[in-house]
Protein backbone atom coordinates (compact mmCIF):
# COMPACT_ATOMS: atom_id res chain seq x y z
CA MET A 1 -0.28 0.22 -0.09
CA LEU A 2 3.01 2.28 -0.33
CA TRP A 3 0.69 3.90 -2.96
CA PHE A 4 -2.24 4.71 -1.56
CA PRO A 5 -0.30 8.33 0.73
CA LEU A 6 0.39 9.10 -2.98
CA LEU A 7 -3.44 8.94 -3.99
CA LEU A 8 -4.34 10.98 -0.77
CA VAL A 9 -2.02 13.68 -1.41
CA ALA A 10 -3.63 14.03 -5.39
CA CYS A 11 -6.89 14.10 -4.09
CA ALA A 12 -6.47 16.17 -1.53
CA VAL A 13 -4.63 18.90 -3.95
CA THR A 14 -7.25 18.30 -6.38
CA ALA A 15 -10.03 18.61 -4.07
CA VAL A 16 -8.42 22.20 -3.10
CA ALA A 17 -7.65 23.65 -6.48
CA CYS A 18 -11.04 22.50 -7.60
CA ALA A 19 -12.99 24.28 -4.59
CA ARG A 20 -10.66 27.21 -5.63
CA LEU A 21 -11.51 27.58 -9.22
CA CYS A 22 -15.22 27.27 -8.61
CA ARG A 23 -15.42 29.81 -5.73
CA ALA A 24 -13.35 31.99 -8.08
CA ALA A 25 -15.71 31.11 -11.21
CA THR A 26 -19.16 31.56 -9.12
CA ALA A 27 -17.94 34.80 -7.62
CA ALA A 28 -16.86 35.87 -11.33
CA GLY A 29 -20.17 34.93 -12.71
CA GLY A 30 -22.02 37.47 -10.92
CA PRO A 31 -25.57 36.49 -9.36
CA GLY A 32 -27.41 33.54 -10.72
CA GLY A 33 -30.86 34.99 -10.52
CA GLY A 34 -32.36 37.75 -13.22
CA ALA A 35 -29.87 39.61 -15.27
CA SER A 36 -29.16 43.26 -14.02
CA GLY A 37 -28.27 44.41 -17.44
CA GLU A 38 -31.20 43.01 -19.39
CA GLY A 39 -31.66 44.62 -22.91
CA GLU A 40 -30.23 44.73 -26.36
CA LEU A 41 -26.14 43.95 -27.12
CA THR A 42 -24.29 45.48 -29.69
CA LEU A 43 -22.01 43.83 -31.92
CA GLY A 44 -19.17 44.94 -30.05
CA GLU A 45 -20.61 43.94 -26.60
CA ALA A 46 -21.59 40.62 -28.20
CA ALA A 47 -18.13 39.86 -29.52
CA PHE A 48 -16.43 41.13 -25.93
CA LEU A 49 -18.72 38.49 -24.04
CA ALA A 50 -17.74 36.13 -26.10
CA GLY A 51 -14.01 36.46 -26.73
CA GLY A 52 -12.95 39.35 -25.36
CA PRO A 53 -11.12 42.39 -26.73
CA GLY A 54 -9.39 39.98 -29.80
CA ARG A 55 -13.01 38.88 -30.48
CA VAL A 56 -13.99 42.91 -31.29
CA THR A 57 -10.75 43.41 -33.22
CA GLU A 58 -11.65 40.36 -35.52
CA LEU A 59 -15.06 41.47 -35.79
CA ALA A 60 -13.84 45.24 -36.95
CA LEU A 61 -11.65 44.20 -39.30
CA VAL A 62 -14.17 41.96 -40.84
CA SER A 63 -17.08 44.21 -40.68
CA MET A 64 -14.66 47.10 -42.64
CA HIS A 65 -13.55 44.20 -45.16
CA ARG A 66 -17.01 43.29 -45.64
CA ALA A 67 -18.45 46.93 -46.16
CA ARG A 68 -14.91 47.65 -48.54
CA ARG A 69 -13.40 49.93 -46.39
CA LEU A 70 -10.46 47.42 -45.71
CA LEU A 71 -8.82 44.65 -47.96
CA LEU A 72 -8.00 41.34 -45.65
CA ALA A 73 -5.75 39.56 -47.72
CA ARG A 74 -5.02 36.14 -47.23
CA THR A 75 -1.31 36.82 -46.71
CA GLY A 76 -2.34 38.33 -43.00
CA TRP A 77 -1.93 42.01 -44.63
CA ALA A 78 -4.73 45.05 -44.04
CA THR A 79 -4.79 47.51 -46.36
CA VAL A 80 -7.04 50.40 -46.05
CA VAL A 81 -9.49 50.87 -49.36
CA ASP A 82 -11.72 53.67 -48.13
CA ALA A 83 -10.18 56.21 -45.42
CA SER A 84 -13.04 59.00 -46.42
CA GLY A 85 -14.15 59.10 -42.70
CA GLY A 86 -17.77 58.05 -41.63
CA GLY A 87 -17.53 54.75 -39.72
CA ASP A 88 -17.74 54.35 -35.66
CA GLU A 89 -15.05 54.49 -33.34
CA LEU A 90 -14.03 51.13 -32.99
CA GLU A 91 -13.02 51.38 -36.92
CA ARG A 92 -11.60 54.84 -36.62
CA ALA A 93 -9.47 52.91 -33.92
CA VAL A 94 -8.36 50.31 -36.17
CA LEU A 95 -7.93 52.95 -39.16
CA GLY A 96 -5.55 54.64 -36.87
CA ALA A 97 -3.49 51.65 -35.75
CA ILE A 98 -2.76 51.10 -39.62
CA GLY A 99 -1.06 54.29 -39.71
CA PRO A 100 -0.76 56.79 -42.82
CA GLY A 101 0.81 54.18 -45.26
CA GLY A 102 -2.64 52.53 -45.51
CA GLN A 103 -1.03 48.85 -44.70
CA ALA A 104 -0.23 47.35 -41.78
CA PRO A 105 -0.22 42.94 -40.85
CA VAL A 106 -3.11 41.76 -38.88
CA PRO A 107 -1.09 40.38 -35.54
CA ARG A 108 0.62 43.93 -35.64
CA LEU A 109 -3.07 45.49 -35.31
CA ARG A 110 -4.30 43.11 -32.99
CA PRO A 111 -3.41 44.36 -29.71
CA VAL A 112 -3.72 48.07 -30.45
CA VAL A 113 -6.95 47.87 -31.51
CA ALA A 114 -7.76 45.50 -28.24
CA GLY A 115 -6.32 47.91 -26.05
CA ALA A 116 -8.02 50.94 -27.55
CA ALA A 117 -10.20 53.41 -25.76
CA CYS A 118 -13.80 52.55 -27.58
CA VAL A 119 -12.54 48.61 -26.94
CA ARG A 120 -12.08 49.76 -22.90
CA ARG A 121 -15.45 51.88 -22.83
CA ILE A 122 -17.10 48.47 -24.16
CA GLU A 123 -16.06 46.56 -21.44
CA GLU A 124 -16.36 48.94 -18.64
CA GLY A 125 -20.10 49.39 -19.96
CA LEU A 126 -20.62 45.78 -19.76
CA VAL A 127 -19.40 45.24 -16.47
CA ALA A 128 -21.28 48.14 -15.51
CA ARG A 129 -24.46 46.21 -16.25
CA GLY A 130 -23.34 43.10 -14.70
CA LEU A 131 -22.93 41.64 -18.26
CA ALA A 132 -19.07 41.02 -17.83
CA VAL A 133 -16.49 39.54 -15.64
CA PRO A 134 -14.67 42.31 -14.16
CA GLY A 135 -10.73 42.12 -14.16
CA ALA A 136 -10.19 41.34 -10.81
CA GLY A 137 -12.53 38.17 -11.17
CA ARG A 138 -10.69 37.02 -14.66
CA ARG A 139 -7.33 37.27 -12.79
CA GLU A 140 -8.66 34.92 -9.55
CA VAL A 141 -10.39 32.73 -12.46
CA ALA A 142 -7.03 32.51 -14.52
CA ALA A 143 -5.14 31.67 -10.70
CA GLY A 144 -7.57 28.93 -10.35
CA LEU A 145 -7.56 27.97 -13.53
CA ARG A 146 -3.40 27.41 -13.07
CA ALA A 147 -3.97 25.77 -9.50
CA VAL A 148 -6.22 22.88 -11.37
CA ARG A 149 -3.61 22.41 -14.13
CA GLY A 150 -1.09 21.83 -11.49
CA ALA A 151 -3.22 19.74 -9.42
CA PHE A 152 -4.10 17.51 -12.90
CA LEU A 153 -0.05 17.41 -13.82
CA LEU A 154 0.59 16.01 -10.08
CA ALA A 155 -2.14 13.50 -9.91
CA LEU A 156 -0.48 12.45 -13.41
CA ALA A 157 3.00 12.22 -11.81
CA LEU A 158 2.25 10.25 -8.98
CA GLY A 159 -0.21 8.37 -10.76
CA THR A 160 2.79 6.84 -12.71
CA VAL A 161 4.95 6.40 -9.89
CA ALA A 162 2.65 4.98 -7.76
CA ALA A 163 1.83 2.49 -10.56
CA ALA A 164 5.77 1.94 -10.82
CA LEU A 165 5.98 1.14 -7.32
CA VAL A 166 3.58 -1.81 -7.30
CA GLU A 167 3.67 -5.11 -8.89
CA PRO A 168 1.60 -5.31 -12.16
CA ALA A 169 -1.24 -7.52 -10.78
CA GLU A 170 -1.80 -4.71 -8.77
CA ARG A 171 -1.39 -1.91 -11.22
CA ALA A 172 -5.30 -2.11 -12.58
CA ARG A 173 -6.18 -0.88 -9.01
CA VAL A 174 -3.85 2.06 -8.71
CA VAL A 175 -4.72 3.35 -12.22
CA ALA A 176 -8.12 3.32 -10.85
CA GLY A 177 -7.71 4.98 -7.97
CA PHE A 178 -6.18 7.69 -9.71
CA VAL A 179 -9.00 8.00 -12.36
CA LEU A 180 -10.98 10.46 -9.66
CA PRO A 181 -8.21 13.11 -9.33
CA LEU A 182 -7.29 13.11 -12.86
CA THR A 183 -11.00 13.06 -13.93
CA ALA A 184 -12.24 16.10 -11.16
CA SER A 185 -8.98 17.96 -12.38
CA GLY A 186 -9.28 17.32 -16.00
CA LEU A 187 -12.93 18.57 -16.29
CA CYS A 188 -12.41 21.83 -14.23
CA TRP A 189 -9.68 22.20 -16.28
CA ALA A 190 -11.91 21.93 -19.82
CA ILE A 191 -15.02 23.74 -18.21
CA ALA A 192 -13.32 26.74 -16.85
CA ARG A 193 -11.58 27.16 -20.15
CA SER A 194 -14.50 28.10 -22.16
CA PRO A 195 -14.12 31.47 -23.78
CA ARG A 196 -17.24 32.95 -22.65
CA GLY A 197 -16.96 31.76 -19.53
CA ARG A 198 -13.42 34.04 -19.08
CA TRP A 199 -15.71 37.33 -20.14
CA ALA A 200 -19.37 36.67 -19.59
CA SER A 201 -21.15 36.76 -16.18
CA HIS A 202 -24.09 34.63 -15.85
CA ALA A 203 -26.00 37.14 -17.24
CA GLY A 204 -24.16 38.12 -20.03
CA GLN A 205 -24.19 34.52 -21.01
CA ARG A 206 -27.78 34.37 -20.99
CA LEU A 207 -28.03 37.26 -23.67
CA LEU A 208 -25.24 35.73 -25.50
CA ALA A 209 -27.64 32.44 -26.19
CA GLY A 210 -30.56 34.59 -26.67
CA LEU A 211 -28.87 35.71 -30.22
CA SER A 212 -29.54 34.13 -33.57
CA ALA A 213 -26.41 33.55 -35.73
CA GLU A 214 -28.13 33.79 -38.87
CA ASP A 215 -26.71 37.25 -39.69
CA PRO A 216 -22.75 36.44 -40.48
CA LEU A 217 -21.42 39.24 -38.35
CA THR A 218 -23.64 38.04 -35.80
CA ALA A 219 -22.11 34.54 -36.01
CA LEU A 220 -18.60 35.74 -35.93
CA ALA A 221 -19.26 37.62 -32.81
CA THR A 222 -20.69 34.84 -30.82
CA ARG A 223 -19.12 31.82 -32.41
CA GLY A 224 -15.71 33.16 -33.71
CA PRO A 225 -13.60 33.18 -36.76
CA ALA A 226 -14.36 29.21 -37.48
CA VAL A 227 -17.48 30.84 -38.95
CA LEU A 228 -15.32 32.54 -41.48
CA GLU A 229 -14.59 31.53 -45.21
CA PRO A 230 -10.90 29.82 -45.35
CA GLU A 231 -9.83 33.14 -46.73
CA LEU A 232 -10.67 35.63 -44.49
CA ARG A 233 -9.79 32.91 -41.56
CA SER A 234 -6.00 32.99 -43.16
CA ALA A 235 -6.04 36.57 -43.08
CA LEU A 236 -6.86 36.49 -39.83
CA GLY A 237 -4.02 34.15 -38.67
CA ARG A 238 -6.82 31.37 -38.04
CA ALA A 239 -6.43 29.01 -40.48
């Protein structure tokens, strides 16, 4: 029974890590009752709740491409086609990020647009309405995810050591014992990594679930670049 203390350690670490992640996710998700921010979502708000600032940036780029104000090349470059004015703050942020040269690689644009003041205002408005997870909540969830990932790797390592300590006839029993901590930590890790769970509160997730994905831009905002044609996925670096 030399392996049993190793199993107890794996179970204890897993229980602590999973409890920490669950507490952080529950607190970040906000109240489970009625949405405090009932109302319509703009496309930019839906994109933020579903995928954060990066999704908002992708939505702006594709929207401008479809409006023929921007050309997204398969090579991953964005070229300004129409800079005659108009558009919203987000489009102006994209044009400002591209600069006077009129052309820039998409990877360079991403962090600039994602950090723009208009994107921060989208986040602040959603947090104020109780639809988005505040930054502190996201950091707590991220710390919980790291703890769960560490617990999973520790259980895997201890299980390997335990299996090596016993006779071959007893290994099936050891493996069965370590299934519990591995399954618990693995499931918590997988579920909590959902992008919606990272950015949207419970109320925000309910509003997202009520959106129809029939419109291509709404589908992009809520489901990500996977809904795009291959050329645009390549242009965004998501092929």
